[in-house]
Each structure stands twice: as structure tokens, then as C-alpha cells.
């Protein structure tokens, strides 16, 4: 029967042996496993020892908040614009320049990962025959969340602006939302400093 050498001391000419299926061999196996496996798990879960710099990429959870501010320039003068917003106070300030558009917005998850990838936003502005739009400014508000390494919550906006020397009847825009980070994010707790 094969055996496992549990202890030996050459100077004393002492040897202790046990069979492979004995309690002593099992205890030796457990001690060996507990000697090597926990440090490997700690090293893996701590994302490495003595890191000086590290970076990671995460797709944020971005949701459209259905909050909009819209300004359409209809002439060269300082007061020649039409405006509308989802904010009632802003609308009250516009008086006769307030024009309510027809809106439709739809968020789309292209890769079915539970995070919205695309926003389809359509705005139709009713105009009088003498009005011609030469410029558009649009602010769309979004909620922005990161969860993986840092819990970060922020309200962000997309600002769209277009001016043309000739009036137009339609405008199509495509764009990407990107976060330019200038400060480190907190590694623990909820980070809401940009709200």
C-alpha cells in the first residue's frame, strides 16, 4: 500500500508514514490546500497587490429623463425665437414666444443587456406661414449611473445646437454621450457630487 510521509527528521533517523486513505493524509491535504488557496483568492479578489494605477471600462446605465428645453431661432433679431420646455416656470417666462411642439421619444436596447443604447427623439414644431427656422438649440436631460467599481449617480445633459444661413424644414442629428472624467471617483459609498 502506498503511503504518505507525514514527518521526517534525518538527524534523528525518524520517519512517520501513513496510508493514502488515512485521517493523517487527509489532514495533510487540508493543510496544504489552506496554505495555498486562500492567498490566491485574496490576491484575485483584491484586484492585484500594490497597484499604482489601474483603469477599467464600464458601460453606464443612461436613461432619458423626459426633460427637454428647446429654442428655435426664427429670425436675425434678438427676440425672434420660439421656445418650449418641460419646465413650467421656463414656459411661463416665454409668454408669446411659447410654442408647444409634438414630441416622441423612445429608448432602445440594441444588444439586450438591460442598458439602453440608443434614444430616438423626434420633435415637430408647428410654424406659421411667415416663420422659418434658421437655428435650433436643444437640451435633453439624462440620468447617468455607474455601479461596478464605484457607485456614481449623476444627472447629465446633451446639448444640440445648429444654425444655418438658410431656413430648413428638417434636421437630423446623431451623437454619443461620453464622460470626460477629470477627478477620481469615490471607491466606496454613493458619489453624487455632480447632481
Protein backbone atom coordinates (compact mmCIF):
# COMPACT_ATOMS: atom_id res chain seq x y z
CA UNK A 1 0.00 0.00 0.00
CA UNK A 2 1.32 3.42 -0.94
CA UNK A 3 1.99 5.78 1.89
CA UNK A 4 2.48 9.44 2.58
CA UNK A 5 5.45 10.65 4.55
CA UNK A 6 3.99 12.89 7.24
CA UNK A 7 7.18 13.89 9.04
CA UNK A 8 10.87 13.04 8.84
CA UNK A 9 13.97 14.25 10.62
CA UNK A 10 17.22 12.97 9.08
CA UNK A 11 19.40 13.71 12.14
CA UNK A 12 17.22 11.62 14.44
CA UNK A 13 16.54 8.99 11.80
CA UNK A 14 12.84 9.39 12.47
CA UNK A 15 10.07 8.89 9.92
CA UNK A 16 6.31 8.89 10.28
CA UNK A 17 4.28 7.42 7.45
CA UNK A 18 0.57 6.87 6.93
CA UNK A 19 -1.59 5.32 4.24
CA UNK A 20 -3.19 7.43 1.46
CA UNK A 21 -6.70 6.89 2.84
CA UNK A 22 -5.93 7.75 6.44
CA UNK A 23 -7.04 10.70 8.57
CA UNK A 24 -3.44 11.93 8.77
CA UNK A 25 -3.12 12.03 4.96
CA UNK A 26 -6.45 13.87 4.74
CA UNK A 27 -5.28 16.41 7.36
CA UNK A 28 -2.04 16.93 5.41
CA UNK A 29 -4.05 17.53 2.22
CA UNK A 30 -6.30 20.07 4.01
CA UNK A 31 -3.32 21.93 5.45
CA UNK A 32 -1.70 22.11 2.01
CA UNK A 33 -4.91 23.42 0.42
CA UNK A 34 -5.43 26.04 3.16
CA UNK A 35 -1.81 27.13 2.82
CA UNK A 36 -2.00 27.95 -0.89
CA UNK A 37 -5.65 28.57 -1.88
CA UNK A 38 -6.69 31.45 0.50
CA UNK A 39 -3.76 33.71 -0.51
CA UNK A 40 -4.60 33.12 -4.17
CA UNK A 41 -8.26 34.03 -3.52
CA UNK A 42 -7.25 37.17 -1.62
CA UNK A 43 -4.93 38.20 -4.46
CA UNK A 44 -7.68 37.61 -7.02
CA UNK A 45 -10.44 39.44 -5.11
CA UNK A 46 -8.26 42.47 -4.27
CA UNK A 47 -7.57 43.03 -7.98
CA UNK A 48 -3.83 42.69 -7.50
CA UNK A 49 -1.32 43.74 -4.88
CA UNK A 50 0.42 47.13 -4.79
CA UNK A 51 -1.30 48.67 -7.79
CA UNK A 52 -0.05 52.15 -8.55
CA UNK A 53 -2.52 52.81 -11.36
CA UNK A 54 -5.48 50.99 -12.74
CA UNK A 55 -8.21 51.71 -15.25
CA UNK A 56 -11.41 49.97 -16.21
CA UNK A 57 -14.21 50.49 -18.68
CA UNK A 58 -17.88 50.25 -17.79
CA UNK A 59 -20.96 50.93 -19.85
CA UNK A 60 -23.09 53.25 -17.72
CA UNK A 61 -26.81 52.95 -17.23
CA UNK A 62 -28.11 56.05 -19.02
CA UNK A 63 -31.83 56.81 -19.06
CA UNK A 64 -33.61 59.72 -20.69
CA UNK A 65 -35.43 61.75 -18.01
CA UNK A 66 -38.02 63.17 -20.43
CA UNK A 67 -36.93 66.69 -19.55
CA UNK A 68 -36.35 68.98 -22.54
CA UNK A 69 -35.54 72.62 -23.23
CA UNK A 70 -36.00 73.71 -26.85
CA UNK A 71 -35.26 77.05 -28.55
CA UNK A 72 -35.80 77.63 -32.28
CA UNK A 73 -34.38 80.79 -33.88
CA UNK A 74 -36.80 82.18 -36.48
CA UNK A 75 -35.04 85.40 -37.48
CA UNK A 76 -31.99 87.64 -37.04
CA UNK A 77 -33.43 89.83 -34.25
CA UNK A 78 -32.71 89.37 -30.52
CA UNK A 79 -36.30 88.37 -29.66
CA UNK A 80 -37.04 86.29 -32.75
CA UNK A 81 -37.16 82.82 -31.29
CA UNK A 82 -39.70 80.23 -30.24
CA UNK A 83 -39.19 78.21 -27.08
CA UNK A 84 -40.69 75.38 -25.10
CA UNK A 85 -39.63 73.27 -22.15
CA UNK A 86 -40.91 70.59 -19.82
CA UNK A 87 -40.22 73.07 -17.01
CA UNK A 88 -43.41 75.10 -16.31
CA UNK A 89 -41.53 78.11 -14.88
CA UNK A 90 -39.50 78.47 -18.08
CA UNK A 91 -42.68 78.25 -20.18
CA UNK A 92 -44.38 81.00 -18.16
CA UNK A 93 -41.43 83.33 -18.85
CA UNK A 94 -41.73 82.89 -22.64
CA UNK A 95 -45.21 84.48 -22.97
CA UNK A 96 -45.98 84.93 -26.71
CA UNK A 97 -42.76 83.14 -27.80
CA UNK A 98 -44.01 79.85 -26.30
CA UNK A 99 -44.75 77.23 -28.95
CA UNK A 100 -45.63 73.68 -27.88
CA UNK A 101 -44.09 71.07 -30.21
CA UNK A 102 -45.13 67.48 -30.85
CA UNK A 103 -42.62 65.14 -29.20
CA UNK A 104 -41.91 61.44 -29.37
CA UNK A 105 -39.07 59.68 -27.57
CA UNK A 106 -38.15 56.01 -27.49
CA UNK A 107 -35.18 54.32 -25.85
CA UNK A 108 -33.77 51.19 -27.44
CA UNK A 109 -31.63 48.37 -26.05
CA UNK A 110 -29.86 47.02 -29.15
CA UNK A 111 -27.84 44.22 -27.54
CA UNK A 112 -30.42 43.16 -24.90
CA UNK A 113 -28.08 43.71 -21.93
CA UNK A 114 -30.60 45.70 -19.90
CA UNK A 115 -28.91 49.04 -20.60
CA UNK A 116 -30.37 51.46 -23.11
CA UNK A 117 -28.07 52.00 -26.08
CA UNK A 118 -29.99 54.46 -28.23
CA UNK A 119 -32.52 57.26 -27.93
CA UNK A 120 -34.85 58.04 -30.81
CA UNK A 121 -36.10 61.58 -30.24
CA UNK A 122 -38.41 63.38 -32.64
CA UNK A 123 -39.66 66.95 -32.27
CA UNK A 124 -42.11 68.61 -34.67
CA UNK A 125 -42.62 72.35 -34.26
CA UNK A 126 -45.80 73.88 -35.70
CA UNK A 127 -44.95 77.08 -37.58
CA UNK A 128 -46.98 79.90 -39.04
CA UNK A 129 -46.54 80.53 -42.80
CA UNK A 130 -44.30 83.58 -42.21
CA UNK A 131 -41.96 81.75 -39.76
CA UNK A 132 -38.78 79.99 -40.93
CA UNK A 133 -36.38 78.19 -38.59
CA UNK A 134 -32.70 79.07 -39.06
CA UNK A 135 -31.34 77.71 -35.78
CA UNK A 136 -32.09 75.07 -33.18
CA UNK A 137 -30.87 74.65 -29.62
CA UNK A 138 -31.99 71.63 -27.65
CA UNK A 139 -31.11 70.36 -24.18
CA UNK A 140 -32.01 66.79 -23.21
CA UNK A 141 -31.53 65.59 -19.62
CA UNK A 142 -30.34 62.10 -18.70
CA UNK A 143 -29.67 60.12 -15.53
CA UNK A 144 -26.22 58.51 -15.52
CA UNK A 145 -25.29 55.60 -13.21
CA UNK A 146 -22.09 53.58 -12.69
CA UNK A 147 -22.17 50.53 -10.40
CA UNK A 148 -19.25 48.15 -10.97
CA UNK A 149 -16.29 49.69 -9.11
CA UNK A 150 -17.73 53.00 -7.94
CA UNK A 151 -21.36 53.78 -7.23
CA UNK A 152 -21.73 57.01 -9.15
CA UNK A 153 -25.02 58.81 -9.85
CA UNK A 154 -25.22 61.94 -11.96
CA UNK A 155 -27.73 63.93 -13.94
CA UNK A 156 -26.23 64.87 -17.28
CA UNK A 157 -27.37 66.65 -20.40
CA UNK A 158 -26.95 66.56 -24.12
CA UNK A 159 -26.75 69.96 -25.81
CA UNK A 160 -27.60 70.05 -29.51
CA UNK A 161 -27.07 73.24 -31.49
CA UNK A 162 -27.37 74.01 -35.19
CA UNK A 163 -27.52 77.29 -37.11
CA UNK A 164 -27.86 77.76 -40.85
CA UNK A 165 -27.86 80.86 -43.08
CA UNK A 166 -30.85 79.45 -44.97
CA UNK A 167 -34.10 78.19 -43.40
CA UNK A 168 -34.65 74.46 -43.17
CA UNK A 169 -37.61 72.17 -42.71
CA UNK A 170 -35.87 69.14 -41.12
CA UNK A 171 -32.77 68.45 -39.06
CA UNK A 172 -31.25 65.04 -38.30
CA UNK A 173 -28.52 64.59 -35.69
CA UNK A 174 -26.58 61.61 -34.39
CA UNK A 175 -24.28 61.72 -31.39
CA UNK A 176 -22.72 59.85 -28.50
CA UNK A 177 -22.77 60.65 -24.80
CA UNK A 178 -19.28 60.47 -23.32
CA UNK A 179 -17.99 61.09 -19.81
CA UNK A 180 -14.72 63.03 -19.61
CA UNK A 181 -13.50 62.29 -16.11
CA UNK A 182 -11.14 64.84 -14.56
CA UNK A 183 -11.24 63.67 -10.94
CA UNK A 184 -11.11 60.26 -9.35
CA UNK A 185 -14.42 58.74 -8.35
CA UNK A 186 -15.01 57.62 -4.77
CA UNK A 187 -14.29 53.93 -4.34
CA UNK A 188 -16.84 53.40 -1.57
CA UNK A 189 -20.25 54.83 -0.85
CA UNK A 190 -22.57 56.71 -3.18
CA UNK A 191 -20.94 59.50 -5.20
CA UNK A 192 -23.49 62.22 -6.07
CA UNK A 193 -21.24 65.29 -6.17
CA UNK A 194 -22.25 66.22 -9.75
CA UNK A 195 -26.00 66.42 -9.07
